[in-house]
Amino acid sequence: MVEALLFGIAIFFGWVIFDFVKHKKFSKENILSALVVGVIGGVAWYIIEWIF
């Protein structure tokens, strides 16, 4: 569970950094999309961890 949480957080921050480098500014839309992707990634990692 902790690994999935850390994975989701890493995806979130990576996505935010990538969007900042690409657009040179922070926006609510980019932060929200990073949050959604981080949550999806964390949940997917938890499911994979649970299966194996």
Protein backbone atom coordinates (compact mmCIF):
# COMPACT_ATOMS: atom_id res chain seq x y z
CA MET A 1 0.00 0.00 0.00
CA VAL A 2 2.81 2.42 0.88
CA GLU A 3 4.60 1.62 -2.37
CA ALA A 4 1.46 2.39 -4.38
CA LEU A 5 1.02 5.68 -2.52
CA LEU A 6 4.62 6.71 -3.14
CA PHE A 7 4.31 5.70 -6.78
CA GLY A 8 1.20 7.86 -7.19
CA ILE A 9 2.91 10.82 -5.53
CA ALA A 10 5.97 10.39 -7.76
CA ILE A 11 3.77 10.33 -10.86
CA PHE A 12 1.96 13.47 -9.67
CA PHE A 13 5.14 15.47 -9.10
CA GLY A 14 6.73 14.17 -12.30
CA TRP A 15 3.68 15.18 -14.30
CA VAL A 16 3.60 18.64 -12.70
CA ILE A 17 7.30 19.18 -13.45
CA PHE A 18 6.83 17.98 -17.03
CA ASP A 19 3.88 20.34 -17.57
CA PHE A 20 5.78 23.26 -16.00
CA VAL A 21 8.76 22.71 -18.29
CA LYS A 22 6.45 22.40 -21.28
CA HIS A 23 4.19 25.43 -20.57
CA LYS A 24 6.47 27.56 -18.33
CA LYS A 25 3.62 28.16 -15.84
CA PHE A 26 1.36 26.38 -13.38
CA SER A 27 -2.35 26.19 -14.08
CA LYS A 28 -5.25 24.59 -12.25
CA GLU A 29 -5.96 22.39 -15.26
CA ASN A 30 -2.42 20.99 -15.32
CA ILE A 31 -2.39 20.38 -11.56
CA LEU A 32 -5.77 18.63 -11.71
CA SER A 33 -4.73 16.45 -14.64
CA ALA A 34 -1.52 15.52 -12.79
CA LEU A 35 -3.59 14.61 -9.72
CA VAL A 36 -5.92 12.41 -11.77
CA VAL A 37 -3.01 10.64 -13.46
CA GLY A 38 -1.25 10.17 -10.10
CA VAL A 39 -4.35 8.64 -8.52
CA ILE A 40 -4.92 6.33 -11.49
CA GLY A 41 -1.26 5.28 -11.43
CA GLY A 42 -1.34 4.64 -7.68
CA VAL A 43 -4.53 2.60 -7.90
CA ALA A 44 -3.18 0.59 -10.83
CA TRP A 45 0.06 -0.09 -8.90
CA TYR A 46 -1.96 -1.22 -5.86
CA ILE A 47 -4.02 -3.59 -8.02
CA ILE A 48 -0.90 -5.03 -9.64
CA GLU A 49 0.68 -5.40 -6.19
CA TRP A 50 -2.45 -7.14 -4.89
CA ILE A 51 -2.61 -9.58 -7.83
CA PHE A 52 1.03 -10.62 -7.67
